């Protein structure tokens, strides 16, 4: 009877040990599942952060592209204004040269007219004086 009792206990111990081993396997499996879940969760968070950073970088690149385009447009506009002003400056210089030439021509013409006036006015003045003096003499 003692042997039967021991053998029953031994059988129960084996079953308990088998259940304990099963439980340990389940705990081990759950631990691995939890670890995998945590890794997956961290990986998902990391992917989300990477995606956010990529979007931010793309937004910055788009902003840089827009700014570069705007600056290029402004530079093109300023280049056009510069070319217009250079053209106008050349035109003004040409007009100044034309006016200087015209001034010189008119000054020369004025000198010539002055000489002519002098040539004409001296004899006319002499004739006037002769008439006045002659008529004064004739009254005397």
Protein backbone atom coordinates (compact mmCIF):
# COMPACT_ATOMS: atom_id res chain seq x y z
CA UNK A 1 0.00 0.00 0.00
CA UNK A 2 2.84 2.28 0.74
CA UNK A 3 4.24 1.61 -2.65
CA UNK A 4 0.93 2.29 -4.31
CA UNK A 5 0.67 5.49 -2.37
CA UNK A 6 4.15 6.49 -3.44
CA UNK A 7 3.50 5.60 -7.00
CA UNK A 8 0.28 7.70 -6.93
CA UNK A 9 2.17 10.60 -5.47
CA UNK A 10 4.92 10.13 -8.02
CA UNK A 11 2.31 10.18 -10.78
CA UNK A 12 0.77 13.36 -9.35
CA UNK A 13 4.22 14.91 -9.04
CA UNK A 14 4.93 14.10 -12.69
CA UNK A 15 1.62 15.63 -13.72
CA UNK A 16 2.27 18.70 -11.58
CA UNK A 17 5.78 18.99 -13.04
CA UNK A 18 4.35 18.64 -16.56
CA UNK A 19 1.75 21.34 -15.84
CA UNK A 20 4.48 23.54 -14.34
CA UNK A 21 6.62 23.03 -17.46
CA UNK A 22 3.61 23.90 -19.65
CA UNK A 23 2.98 26.99 -17.53
CA UNK A 24 6.66 28.00 -17.82
CA UNK A 25 6.44 27.54 -21.61
CA UNK A 26 3.30 29.70 -21.71
CA UNK A 27 5.02 32.38 -19.57
CA UNK A 28 8.09 32.21 -21.83
CA UNK A 29 5.89 32.46 -24.93
CA UNK A 30 3.92 35.40 -23.47
CA UNK A 31 7.19 37.13 -22.50
CA UNK A 32 8.44 36.77 -26.08
CA UNK A 33 5.07 38.00 -27.42
CA UNK A 34 5.19 41.03 -25.10
CA UNK A 35 8.78 41.77 -26.11
CA UNK A 36 7.86 41.49 -29.80
CA UNK A 37 4.83 43.73 -29.23
CA UNK A 38 7.01 46.32 -27.50
CA UNK A 39 9.54 46.18 -30.33
CA UNK A 40 6.78 46.50 -32.90
CA UNK A 41 5.30 49.41 -30.97
CA UNK A 42 8.69 51.14 -30.74
CA UNK A 43 9.33 50.44 -34.42
CA UNK A 44 5.94 51.95 -35.29
CA UNK A 45 6.75 55.03 -33.20
CA UNK A 46 10.16 55.30 -34.86
CA UNK A 47 8.59 54.96 -38.32
CA UNK A 48 6.07 57.65 -37.44
CA UNK A 49 8.84 59.98 -36.26
CA UNK A 50 10.86 59.26 -39.41
CA UNK A 51 7.80 60.01 -41.55
CA UNK A 52 7.22 63.27 -39.66
CA UNK A 53 10.86 64.26 -40.13
CA UNK A 54 10.72 63.42 -43.84
CA UNK A 55 7.58 65.55 -44.19
CA UNK A 56 9.26 68.40 -42.34
CA UNK A 57 12.35 68.14 -44.55
CA UNK A 58 10.16 68.12 -47.66
CA UNK A 59 8.29 71.20 -46.40
CA UNK A 60 11.62 72.97 -45.81
CA UNK A 61 12.84 71.98 -49.27
CA UNK A 62 9.61 73.27 -50.83
CA UNK A 63 9.98 76.50 -48.88
CA UNK A 64 13.59 76.83 -50.05
CA UNK A 65 12.50 76.18 -53.64
CA UNK A 66 9.74 78.81 -53.35
CA UNK A 67 12.14 81.33 -51.82
CA UNK A 68 14.76 80.62 -54.48
CA UNK A 69 12.15 81.02 -57.21
CA UNK A 70 10.88 84.27 -55.69
CA UNK A 71 14.42 85.61 -55.37
CA UNK A 72 15.19 84.64 -58.97
CA UNK A 73 12.02 86.42 -60.13
CA UNK A 74 13.02 89.51 -58.18
CA UNK A 75 16.55 89.36 -59.61
CA UNK A 76 15.14 89.03 -63.11
CA UNK A 77 12.86 92.00 -62.49
CA UNK A 78 15.76 94.06 -61.12
CA UNK A 79 17.90 93.05 -64.11
CA UNK A 80 15.13 94.31 -66.41
CA UNK A 81 14.93 97.58 -64.49
CA UNK A 82 18.72 97.92 -64.63
CA UNK A 83 18.74 97.36 -68.40
CA UNK A 84 15.96 99.93 -68.82
CA UNK A 85 17.83 102.48 -66.70
CA UNK A 86 21.09 101.85 -68.56
CA UNK A 87 19.24 102.40 -71.84
CA UNK A 88 17.67 105.61 -70.54
CA UNK A 89 21.05 106.79 -69.23
CA UNK A 90 22.63 106.23 -72.65
CA UNK A 91 19.75 108.11 -74.26
CA UNK A 92 20.19 111.01 -71.80
CA UNK A 93 23.93 111.13 -72.47
CA UNK A 94 23.21 111.24 -76.19
CA UNK A 95 20.72 114.07 -75.64
CA UNK A 96 23.28 115.95 -73.52
CA UNK A 97 25.86 115.59 -76.28
CA UNK A 98 23.28 116.76 -78.83
CA UNK A 99 22.44 119.77 -76.65
CA UNK A 100 26.14 120.61 -76.20
CA UNK A 101 26.63 120.47 -79.96
CA UNK A 102 23.54 122.65 -80.50
CA UNK A 103 24.79 125.10 -77.83
CA UNK A 104 28.18 125.34 -79.53
CA UNK A 105 26.52 125.85 -82.92
CA UNK A 106 24.22 128.54 -81.53
CA UNK A 107 27.10 130.26 -79.71
CA UNK A 108 29.09 130.37 -82.92
CA UNK A 109 26.06 131.71 -84.82
CA UNK A 110 25.54 134.35 -82.10
CA UNK A 111 29.18 135.45 -82.44
CA UNK A 112 28.78 135.69 -86.20
CA UNK A 113 25.58 137.70 -85.83
CA UNK A 114 27.31 139.96 -83.33
CA UNK A 115 30.10 140.65 -85.79
CA UNK A 116 27.61 141.32 -88.56
CA UNK A 117 25.67 143.61 -86.29
CA UNK A 118 28.86 145.47 -85.48
CA UNK A 119 29.78 145.69 -89.14
CA UNK A 120 26.31 146.98 -90.03
CA UNK A 121 25.82 149.20 -86.99
CA UNK A 122 29.11 151.15 -87.16
CA UNK A 123 28.42 152.56 -90.64
CA UNK A 124 24.76 153.12 -89.76
CA UNK A 125 25.75 154.98 -86.60
CA UNK A 126 28.27 157.00 -88.54
CA UNK A 127 25.65 157.88 -91.14
CA UNK A 128 23.19 158.81 -88.38
CA UNK A 129 25.76 161.04 -86.73
CA UNK A 130 26.61 162.61 -90.09
CA UNK A 131 22.92 163.33 -90.70
CA UNK A 132 22.46 164.79 -87.25
CA UNK A 133 25.67 166.81 -87.48
CA UNK A 134 24.81 167.86 -91.04
CA UNK A 135 21.37 169.04 -90.10
CA UNK A 136 22.82 170.89 -87.10
CA UNK A 137 25.34 172.53 -89.32
CA UNK A 138 22.69 173.50 -91.80
CA UNK A 139 20.69 175.21 -89.05
CA UNK A 140 23.64 177.21 -88.00
